Amino acid sequence: MKKIAIINNKGGVGKSTTAVQLSHGLAKLDFKVLLTDLDGQNDSSLFLGFTEEDYNKTIFDLLDNHNPAKLEECIIEARENLDLLPNSNIETIDREFHRMRRVDTILDRLLVDLEGMDYDFVIMDCQPSKTRINDAVLCYIDHIVMPVQVEIASVRAVKNIYDYLRDLDVSEEKVSLIIPNMYTDVTNDAEENLKLLHDIFEDNQDMITKPIYRRVRITEAGKHGKTVFEYDEEAAKQFHNVIEKVVEKIA
């Protein structure tokens, strides 16, 4: 079971979109995938067509000290080979995590039943900030996949994730893939920023996927509660290289 965090400390980089498309893409390759929505906006759940009316229990219910839910009660089937673990009361979860002494063992204990569920991938869509939940996720996962919007502020902020890992005393080698996202070849600015991103990782170019171009159909898919694989074949091609890289480097 490979555990992957989709994370970037900067918001608006397409993190949830990436998490959903990667999860469904892997599921379509017959991998069994659990997508865990740990973003307070619940975008991963919404992009798969689910709202809070569609589930009774979430990861929050695992924290009930008196009558904790079973993990299987909180997981819903989203697509063939793709399950979803939604969240609720994310701020309360964060406060509860702050009360726990060992951040590095929180999710190992909370999600211990995953070991018997035969998932090939557990993919975690994280909040775009430093939180106790993200601390726990970064200690728990094996790999980080980081979408980076191809604009100067986002590219320059890439190093922040490495600072975050050092603060937690977590290995920087967990950063496995960088996804240049929302790319456009209309301006020289984007091309220069993509080059800068490659310069940052000049010693490990294989970490960087082909850029995902800014496409209206990708955004539309999420608004309709569908993945690009269900909504638009051409838009889906944007994610083929990302999925290939994950299979090659992580699976």
C-alpha atoms as a PDB file:
ATOM      1  CA  MET A   1       0.000   0.000   0.000  1.00  0.00           C
ATOM      2  CA  LYS A   2       1.555   3.269  -1.197  1.00  0.00           C
ATOM      3  CA  LYS A   3       0.551   6.377   0.741  1.00  0.00           C
ATOM      4  CA  ILE A   4       0.690   9.652  -1.173  1.00  0.00           C
ATOM      5  CA  ALA A   5       0.050  13.227  -0.057  1.00  0.00           C
ATOM      6  CA  ILE A   6      -1.093  15.762  -2.639  1.00  0.00           C
ATOM      7  CA  ILE A   7       0.152  18.896  -0.957  1.00  0.00           C
ATOM      8  CA  ASN A   8       1.366  22.422  -1.527  1.00  0.00           C
ATOM      9  CA  ASN A   9       1.445  25.150   1.106  1.00  0.00           C
ATOM     10  CA  LYS A  10       0.119  27.585  -1.495  1.00  0.00           C
ATOM     11  CA  GLY A  11      -3.572  27.537  -2.350  1.00  0.00           C
ATOM     12  CA  GLY A  12      -5.115  27.672  -5.813  1.00  0.00           C
ATOM     13  CA  VAL A  13      -2.586  25.371  -7.486  1.00  0.00           C
ATOM     14  CA  GLY A  14      -5.051  22.635  -8.500  1.00  0.00           C
ATOM     15  CA  LYS A  15      -4.332  20.302  -5.619  1.00  0.00           C
ATOM     16  CA  SER A  16      -7.788  18.759  -5.268  1.00  0.00           C
ATOM     17  CA  THR A  17      -8.215  18.504  -9.026  1.00  0.00           C
ATOM     18  CA  THR A  18      -4.928  16.630  -9.204  1.00  0.00           C
ATOM     19  CA  ALA A  19      -5.898  14.335  -6.339  1.00  0.00           C
ATOM     20  CA  VAL A  20      -9.188  13.392  -7.989  1.00  0.00           C
ATOM     21  CA  GLN A  21      -7.819  12.853 -11.501  1.00  0.00           C
ATOM     22  CA  LEU A  22      -4.828  10.873 -10.258  1.00  0.00           C
ATOM     23  CA  SER A  23      -7.028   8.704  -8.054  1.00  0.00           C
ATOM     24  CA  HIS A  24      -9.516   7.896 -10.792  1.00  0.00           C
ATOM     25  CA  GLY A  25      -6.772   7.421 -13.374  1.00  0.00           C
ATOM     26  CA  LEU A  26      -5.071   4.824 -11.183  1.00  0.00           C
ATOM     27  CA  ALA A  27      -8.426   3.162 -10.466  1.00  0.00           C
ATOM     28  CA  LYS A  28      -9.040   2.839 -14.204  1.00  0.00           C
ATOM     29  CA  LEU A  29      -5.735   0.958 -14.416  1.00  0.00           C
ATOM     30  CA  ASP A  30      -7.216  -1.572 -11.954  1.00  0.00           C
ATOM     31  CA  PHE A  31      -5.378  -0.301  -8.910  1.00  0.00           C
ATOM     32  CA  LYS A  32      -7.538  -0.172  -5.788  1.00  0.00           C
ATOM     33  CA  VAL A  33      -7.451   3.412  -4.515  1.00  0.00           C
ATOM     34  CA  LEU A  34      -8.680   5.243  -1.411  1.00  0.00           C
ATOM     35  CA  LEU A  35      -8.886   9.017  -1.773  1.00  0.00           C
ATOM     36  CA  THR A  36      -8.876  10.701   1.636  1.00  0.00           C
ATOM     37  CA  ASP A  37     -10.302  14.220   1.600  1.00  0.00           C
ATOM     38  CA  LEU A  38      -8.519  16.254   4.272  1.00  0.00           C
ATOM     39  CA  ASP A  39      -9.085  19.688   2.743  1.00  0.00           C
ATOM     40  CA  GLY A  40     -11.547  21.825   4.673  1.00  0.00           C
ATOM     41  CA  GLN A  41     -13.339  22.863   1.468  1.00  0.00           C
ATOM     42  CA  ASN A  42     -14.140  19.203   0.676  1.00  0.00           C
ATOM     43  CA  ASP A  43     -13.244  19.790  -2.956  1.00  0.00           C
ATOM     44  CA  SER A  44     -12.157  16.228  -3.661  1.00  0.00           C
ATOM     45  CA  SER A  45     -15.523  14.962  -2.482  1.00  0.00           C
ATOM     46  CA  LEU A  46     -17.387  17.628  -4.462  1.00  0.00           C
ATOM     47  CA  PHE A  47     -15.367  16.966  -7.624  1.00  0.00           C
ATOM     48  CA  LEU A  48     -16.458  13.333  -7.395  1.00  0.00           C
ATOM     49  CA  GLY A  49     -20.077  14.414  -7.063  1.00  0.00           C
ATOM     50  CA  PHE A  50     -20.543  13.950  -3.307  1.00  0.00           C
ATOM     51  CA  THR A  51     -21.864  16.402  -0.735  1.00  0.00           C
ATOM     52  CA  GLU A  52     -22.325  16.010   3.016  1.00  0.00           C
ATOM     53  CA  GLU A  53     -25.831  14.695   2.322  1.00  0.00           C
ATOM     54  CA  ASP A  54     -24.313  11.621   0.686  1.00  0.00           C
ATOM     55  CA  TYR A  55     -22.517  10.239   3.742  1.00  0.00           C
ATOM     56  CA  ASN A  56     -23.304   9.748   7.408  1.00  0.00           C
ATOM     57  CA  LYS A  57     -19.853   9.263   8.878  1.00  0.00           C
ATOM     58  CA  THR A  58     -16.454  10.717   8.067  1.00  0.00           C
ATOM     59  CA  ILE A  59     -12.907  10.566   9.351  1.00  0.00           C
ATOM     60  CA  PHE A  60     -14.102  12.885  12.146  1.00  0.00           C
ATOM     61  CA  ASP A  61     -16.203  10.051  13.594  1.00  0.00           C
ATOM     62  CA  LEU A  62     -13.089   7.940  14.121  1.00  0.00           C
ATOM     63  CA  LEU A  63     -12.135  10.383  16.885  1.00  0.00           C
ATOM     64  CA  ASP A  64     -15.242   9.848  19.008  1.00  0.00           C
ATOM     65  CA  ASN A  65     -13.839   8.834  22.399  1.00  0.00           C
ATOM     66  CA  HIS A  66     -17.062   7.183  23.535  1.00  0.00           C
ATOM     67  CA  ASN A  67     -18.254   5.394  20.419  1.00  0.00           C
ATOM     68  CA  PRO A  68     -15.674   5.649  17.632  1.00  0.00           C
ATOM     69  CA  ALA A  69     -16.837   4.668  14.172  1.00  0.00           C
ATOM     70  CA  LYS A  70     -15.218   1.815  12.340  1.00  0.00           C
ATOM     71  CA  LEU A  71     -13.127   2.908   9.372  1.00  0.00           C
ATOM     72  CA  GLU A  72     -15.224   0.877   6.945  1.00  0.00           C
ATOM     73  CA  GLU A  73     -18.316   2.814   8.070  1.00  0.00           C
ATOM     74  CA  CYS A  74     -16.709   6.088   6.968  1.00  0.00           C
ATOM     75  CA  ILE A  75     -15.634   4.965   3.493  1.00  0.00           C
ATOM     76  CA  ILE A  76     -17.956   5.267   0.510  1.00  0.00           C
ATOM     77  CA  GLU A  77     -17.632   3.765  -2.957  1.00  0.00           C
ATOM     78  CA  ALA A  78     -16.996   6.584  -5.416  1.00  0.00           C
ATOM     79  CA  ARG A  79     -16.165   4.751  -8.635  1.00  0.00           C
ATOM     80  CA  GLU A  80     -15.088   1.249  -9.610  1.00  0.00           C
ATOM     81  CA  ASN A  81     -11.819   0.590  -7.709  1.00  0.00           C
ATOM     82  CA  LEU A  82     -12.017   4.070  -6.140  1.00  0.00           C
ATOM     83  CA  ASP A  83     -13.285   4.719  -2.615  1.00  0.00           C
ATOM     84  CA  LEU A  84     -13.589   8.019  -0.771  1.00  0.00           C
ATOM     85  CA  LEU A  85     -12.938   8.832   2.879  1.00  0.00           C
ATOM     86  CA  PRO A  86     -14.627  12.233   3.382  1.00  0.00           C
ATOM     87  CA  ASN A  87     -14.138  14.700   6.209  1.00  0.00           C
ATOM     88  CA  SER A  88     -16.263  16.963   8.371  1.00  0.00           C
ATOM     89  CA  ASN A  89     -15.492  19.371  11.230  1.00  0.00           C
ATOM     90  CA  ILE A  90     -11.942  19.769   9.968  1.00  0.00           C
ATOM     91  CA  GLU A  91     -11.062  22.469  12.525  1.00  0.00           C
ATOM     92  CA  THR A  92     -12.169  20.198  15.370  1.00  0.00           C
ATOM     93  CA  ILE A  93     -10.052  17.379  13.956  1.00  0.00           C
ATOM     94  CA  ASP A  94      -7.077  19.721  13.920  1.00  0.00           C
ATOM     95  CA  ARG A  95      -7.663  20.681  17.565  1.00  0.00           C
ATOM     96  CA  GLU A  96      -7.964  17.022  18.541  1.00  0.00           C
ATOM     97  CA  PHE A  97      -4.703  16.256  16.779  1.00  0.00           C
ATOM     98  CA  HIS A  98      -3.042  19.074  18.754  1.00  0.00           C
ATOM     99  CA  ARG A  99      -4.036  17.301  21.971  1.00  0.00           C
ATOM    100  CA  MET A 100      -2.229  14.144  20.915  1.00  0.00           C
ATOM    101  CA  ARG A 101       1.392  13.935  22.003  1.00  0.00           C
ATOM    102  CA  ARG A 102       2.919  11.981  19.111  1.00  0.00           C
ATOM    103  CA  VAL A 103       2.042  13.553  15.762  1.00  0.00           C
ATOM    104  CA  ASP A 104       4.092  10.920  13.969  1.00  0.00           C
ATOM    105  CA  THR A 105       1.801   8.077  15.095  1.00  0.00           C
ATOM    106  CA  ILE A 106      -1.652   9.691  14.920  1.00  0.00           C
ATOM    107  CA  LEU A 107      -2.667   8.390  11.505  1.00  0.00           C
ATOM    108  CA  ASP A 108      -0.984   5.030  11.982  1.00  0.00           C
ATOM    109  CA  ARG A 109      -3.355   4.476  14.902  1.00  0.00           C
ATOM    110  CA  LEU A 110      -6.413   6.153  13.408  1.00  0.00           C
ATOM    111  CA  LEU A 111      -6.165   4.345  10.071  1.00  0.00           C
ATOM    112  CA  VAL A 112      -4.718   1.059  11.282  1.00  0.00           C
ATOM    113  CA  ASP A 113      -7.543  -0.925   9.641  1.00  0.00           C
ATOM    114  CA  LEU A 114      -6.366   0.199   6.198  1.00  0.00           C
ATOM    115  CA  GLU A 115      -3.663  -2.455   6.362  1.00  0.00           C
ATOM    116  CA  GLY A 116      -6.292  -5.147   5.928  1.00  0.00           C
ATOM    117  CA  MET A 117      -8.283  -3.475   3.160  1.00  0.00           C
ATOM    118  CA  ASP A 118      -6.078  -4.323   0.153  1.00  0.00           C
ATOM    119  CA  TYR A 119      -5.672  -0.790  -1.183  1.00  0.00           C
ATOM    120  CA  ASP A 120      -2.818  -0.267  -3.625  1.00  0.00           C
ATOM    121  CA  PHE A 121      -2.830   3.504  -3.084  1.00  0.00           C
ATOM    122  CA  VAL A 122      -4.042   5.785  -0.309  1.00  0.00           C
ATOM    123  CA  ILE A 123      -4.067   9.326  -1.681  1.00  0.00           C
ATOM    124  CA  MET A 124      -4.529  12.250   0.702  1.00  0.00           C
ATOM    125  CA  ASP A 125      -5.736  15.638  -0.468  1.00  0.00           C
ATOM    126  CA  CYS A 126      -4.302  18.106   2.066  1.00  0.00           C
ATOM    127  CA  GLN A 127      -5.011  21.654   3.159  1.00  0.00           C
ATOM    128  CA  PRO A 128      -2.860  24.456   1.649  1.00  0.00           C
ATOM    129  CA  SER A 129      -1.268  25.477   4.948  1.00  0.00           C
ATOM    130  CA  LYS A 130       0.696  24.241   7.926  1.00  0.00           C
ATOM    131  CA  THR A 131      -1.764  22.462  10.190  1.00  0.00           C
ATOM    132  CA  ARG A 132      -1.544  19.696  12.754  1.00  0.00           C
ATOM    133  CA  ILE A 133      -3.429  17.482  10.301  1.00  0.00           C
ATOM    134  CA  ASN A 134      -0.832  18.135   7.614  1.00  0.00           C
ATOM    135  CA  ASP A 135       1.923  17.466  10.162  1.00  0.00           C
ATOM    136  CA  ALA A 136       0.382  14.055  10.800  1.00  0.00           C
ATOM    137  CA  VAL A 137      -0.070  13.365   7.087  1.00  0.00           C
ATOM    138  CA  LEU A 138       3.555  14.177   6.252  1.00  0.00           C
ATOM    139  CA  CYS A 139       4.732  11.798   8.967  1.00  0.00           C
ATOM    140  CA  TYR A 140       2.363   9.081   7.733  1.00  0.00           C
ATOM    141  CA  ILE A 141       2.767   9.065   3.945  1.00  0.00           C
ATOM    142  CA  ASP A 142       5.558   7.564   1.839  1.00  0.00           C
ATOM    143  CA  HIS A 143       5.460  10.017  -1.058  1.00  0.00           C
ATOM    144  CA  ILE A 144       4.587  13.639  -1.828  1.00  0.00           C
ATOM    145  CA  VAL A 145       3.136  14.678  -5.166  1.00  0.00           C
ATOM    146  CA  MET A 146       3.138  18.464  -5.437  1.00  0.00           C
ATOM    147  CA  PRO A 147       1.177  20.441  -8.034  1.00  0.00           C
ATOM    148  CA  VAL A 148       2.836  23.785  -8.764  1.00  0.00           C
ATOM    149  CA  GLN A 149       1.043  26.505 -10.674  1.00  0.00           C
ATOM    150  CA  VAL A 150       3.368  27.763 -13.390  1.00  0.00           C
ATOM    151  CA  GLU A 151       3.542  31.352 -12.175  1.00  0.00           C
ATOM    152  CA  ILE A 152       6.448  32.987 -10.421  1.00  0.00           C
ATOM    153  CA  ALA A 153       5.109  33.177  -6.849  1.00  0.00           C
ATOM    154  CA  SER A 154       4.089  29.524  -6.890  1.00  0.00           C
ATOM    155  CA  VAL A 155       7.369  28.317  -8.395  1.00  0.00           C
ATOM    156  CA  ARG A 156       9.424  30.276  -5.889  1.00  0.00           C
ATOM    157  CA  ALA A 157       7.330  28.832  -3.051  1.00  0.00           C
ATOM    158  CA  VAL A 158       8.341  25.259  -3.903  1.00  0.00           C
ATOM    159  CA  LYS A 159      11.125  25.341  -1.320  1.00  0.00           C
ATOM    160  CA  ASN A 160       8.538  25.922   1.432  1.00  0.00           C
ATOM    161  CA  ILE A 161       7.581  22.265   1.451  1.00  0.00           C
ATOM    162  CA  TYR A 162      11.214  21.347   2.101  1.00  0.00           C
ATOM    163  CA  ASP A 163      11.348  23.811   5.002  1.00  0.00           C
ATOM    164  CA  TYR A 164       8.166  22.235   6.348  1.00  0.00           C
ATOM    165  CA  LEU A 165       9.637  18.737   6.156  1.00  0.00           C
ATOM    166  CA  ARG A 166      12.806  19.844   7.928  1.00  0.00           C
ATOM    167  CA  ASP A 167      10.739  21.422  10.700  1.00  0.00           C
ATOM    168  CA  LEU A 168       9.017  18.063  11.204  1.00  0.00           C
ATOM    169  CA  ASP A 169      12.286  16.114  10.892  1.00  0.00           C
ATOM    170  CA  VAL A 170      10.747  14.221   7.982  1.00  0.00           C
ATOM    171  CA  SER A 171      12.859  13.048   5.058  1.00  0.00           C
ATOM    172  CA  GLU A 172      12.960  15.366   2.047  1.00  0.00           C
ATOM    173  CA  GLU A 173      13.164  12.262  -0.121  1.00  0.00           C
ATOM    174  CA  LYS A 174       9.421  11.860   0.312  1.00  0.00           C
ATOM    175  CA  VAL A 175       9.000  14.510  -2.398  1.00  0.00           C
ATOM    176  CA  SER A 176       8.580  12.235  -5.401  1.00  0.00           C
ATOM    177  CA  LEU A 177       6.826  14.215  -8.144  1.00  0.00           C
ATOM    178  CA  ILE A 178       6.364  17.841  -9.115  1.00  0.00           C
ATOM    179  CA  ILE A 179       3.462  18.635 -11.444  1.00  0.00           C
ATOM    180  CA  PRO A 180       3.665  21.936 -13.364  1.00  0.00           C
ATOM    181  CA  ASN A 181      -0.002  22.913 -13.452  1.00  0.00           C
ATOM    182  CA  MET A 182      -2.226  25.487 -15.207  1.00  0.00           C
ATOM    183  CA  TYR A 183       0.407  26.000 -17.870  1.00  0.00           C
ATOM    184  CA  THR A 184      -0.224  28.163 -20.910  1.00  0.00           C
ATOM    185  CA  ASP A 185       2.091  28.628 -23.881  1.00  0.00           C
ATOM    186  CA  VAL A 186       0.460  31.918 -24.866  1.00  0.00           C
ATOM    187  CA  THR A 187       3.013  34.020 -22.953  1.00  0.00           C
ATOM    188  CA  ASN A 188       6.773  33.859 -22.498  1.00  0.00           C
ATOM    189  CA  ASP A 189       6.229  34.293 -18.757  1.00  0.00           C
ATOM    190  CA  ALA A 190       4.882  30.782 -18.309  1.00  0.00           C
ATOM    191  CA  GLU A 191       7.714  29.299 -20.348  1.00  0.00           C
ATOM    192  CA  GLU A 192      10.266  31.154 -18.209  1.00  0.00           C
ATOM    193  CA  ASN A 193       8.603  29.979 -14.995  1.00  0.00           C
ATOM    194  CA  LEU A 194       8.571  26.380 -16.227  1.00  0.00           C
ATOM    195  CA  LYS A 195      12.285  26.687 -16.979  1.00  0.00           C
ATOM    196  CA  LEU A 196      12.874  28.066 -13.478  1.00  0.00           C
ATOM    197  CA  LEU A 197      11.061  25.068 -12.021  1.00  0.00           C
ATOM    198  CA  HIS A 198      13.311  22.736 -13.988  1.00  0.00           C
ATOM    199  CA  ASP A 199      16.356  24.724 -12.834  1.00  0.00           C
ATOM    200  CA  ILE A 200      15.318  24.217  -9.195  1.00  0.00           C
ATOM    201  CA  PHE A 201      15.330  20.456  -9.766  1.00  0.00           C
ATOM    202  CA  GLU A 202      18.254  20.399 -12.179  1.00  0.00           C
ATOM    203  CA  ASP A 203      19.769  17.372 -10.418  1.00  0.00           C
ATOM    204  CA  ASN A 204      16.561  15.369 -10.611  1.00  0.00           C
ATOM    205  CA  GLN A 205      14.661  16.304 -13.741  1.00  0.00           C
ATOM    206  CA  ASP A 206      12.785  13.000 -13.677  1.00  0.00           C
ATOM    207  CA  MET A 207      10.777  14.305 -10.718  1.00  0.00           C
ATOM    208  CA  ILE A 208       8.964  16.788 -12.952  1.00  0.00           C
ATOM    209  CA  THR A 209       6.031  15.633 -15.063  1.00  0.00           C
ATOM    210  CA  LYS A 210       4.985  17.152 -18.335  1.00  0.00           C
ATOM    211  CA  PRO A 211       2.992  20.329 -17.692  1.00  0.00           C
ATOM    212  CA  ILE A 212      -0.768  20.204 -17.389  1.00  0.00           C
ATOM    213  CA  TYR A 213      -2.200  22.957 -19.559  1.00  0.00           C
ATOM    214  CA  ARG A 214      -4.913  25.284 -18.331  1.00  0.00           C
ATOM    215  CA  ARG A 215      -8.126  23.898 -19.805  1.00  0.00           C
ATOM    216  CA  VAL A 216     -11.716  25.009 -19.191  1.00  0.00           C
ATOM    217  CA  ARG A 217     -12.927  21.433 -19.560  1.00  0.00           C
ATOM    218  CA  ILE A 218     -10.859  20.319 -16.552  1.00  0.00           C
ATOM    219  CA  THR A 219     -12.579  22.932 -14.383  1.00  0.00           C
ATOM    220  CA  GLU A 220     -15.971  22.120 -15.839  1.00  0.00           C
ATOM    221  CA  ALA A 221     -15.582  18.438 -15.019  1.00  0.00           C
ATOM    222  CA  GLY A 222     -15.210  19.160 -11.300  1.00  0.00           C
ATOM    223  CA  LYS A 223     -18.179  21.521 -11.295  1.00  0.00           C
ATOM    224  CA  HIS A 224     -20.281  18.676 -12.693  1.00  0.00           C
ATOM    225  CA  GLY A 225     -19.026  16.190 -10.104  1.00  0.00           C
ATOM    226  CA  LYS A 226     -17.140  14.208 -12.742  1.00  0.00           C
ATOM    227  CA  THR A 227     -13.530  13.354 -13.414  1.00  0.00           C
ATOM    228  CA  VAL A 228     -11.915  14.279 -16.722  1.00  0.00           C
ATOM    229  CA  PHE A 229     -12.004  10.599 -17.679  1.00  0.00           C
ATOM    230  CA  GLU A 230     -15.791  10.782 -17.551  1.00  0.00           C
ATOM    231  CA  TYR A 231     -16.188  14.277 -18.927  1.00  0.00           C
ATOM    232  CA  ASP A 232     -13.729  14.954 -21.728  1.00  0.00           C
ATOM    233  CA  GLU A 233     -11.285  12.614 -23.450  1.00  0.00           C
ATOM    234  CA  GLU A 234      -8.946  15.379 -24.594  1.00  0.00           C
ATOM    235  CA  ALA A 235      -8.782  16.897 -21.102  1.00  0.00           C
ATOM    236  CA  ALA A 236      -8.047  13.448 -19.665  1.00  0.00           C
ATOM    237  CA  LYS A 237      -4.926  13.188 -21.835  1.00  0.00           C
ATOM    238  CA  GLN A 238      -3.438  16.020 -19.764  1.00  0.00           C
ATOM    239  CA  PHE A 239      -3.075  13.636 -16.827  1.00  0.00           C
ATOM    240  CA  HIS A 240      -1.687  10.589 -18.628  1.00  0.00           C
ATOM    241  CA  ASN A 241       1.952  11.507 -17.972  1.00  0.00           C
ATOM    242  CA  VAL A 242       1.269  12.154 -14.275  1.00  0.00           C
ATOM    243  CA  ILE A 243      -0.335   8.738 -13.891  1.00  0.00           C
ATOM    244  CA  GLU A 244       2.470   7.059 -15.840  1.00  0.00           C
ATOM    245  CA  LYS A 245       5.046   8.724 -13.596  1.00  0.00           C
ATOM    246  CA  VAL A 246       3.258   7.577 -10.438  1.00  0.00           C
ATOM    247  CA  VAL A 247       3.101   4.010 -11.703  1.00  0.00           C
ATOM    248  CA  GLU A 248       6.756   4.141 -12.774  1.00  0.00           C
ATOM    249  CA  LYS A 249       8.209   5.799  -9.669  1.00  0.00           C
ATOM    250  CA  ILE A 250       5.832   4.846  -6.860  1.00  0.00           C
ATOM    251  CA  ALA A 251       3.705   1.759  -7.635  1.00  0.00           C
END
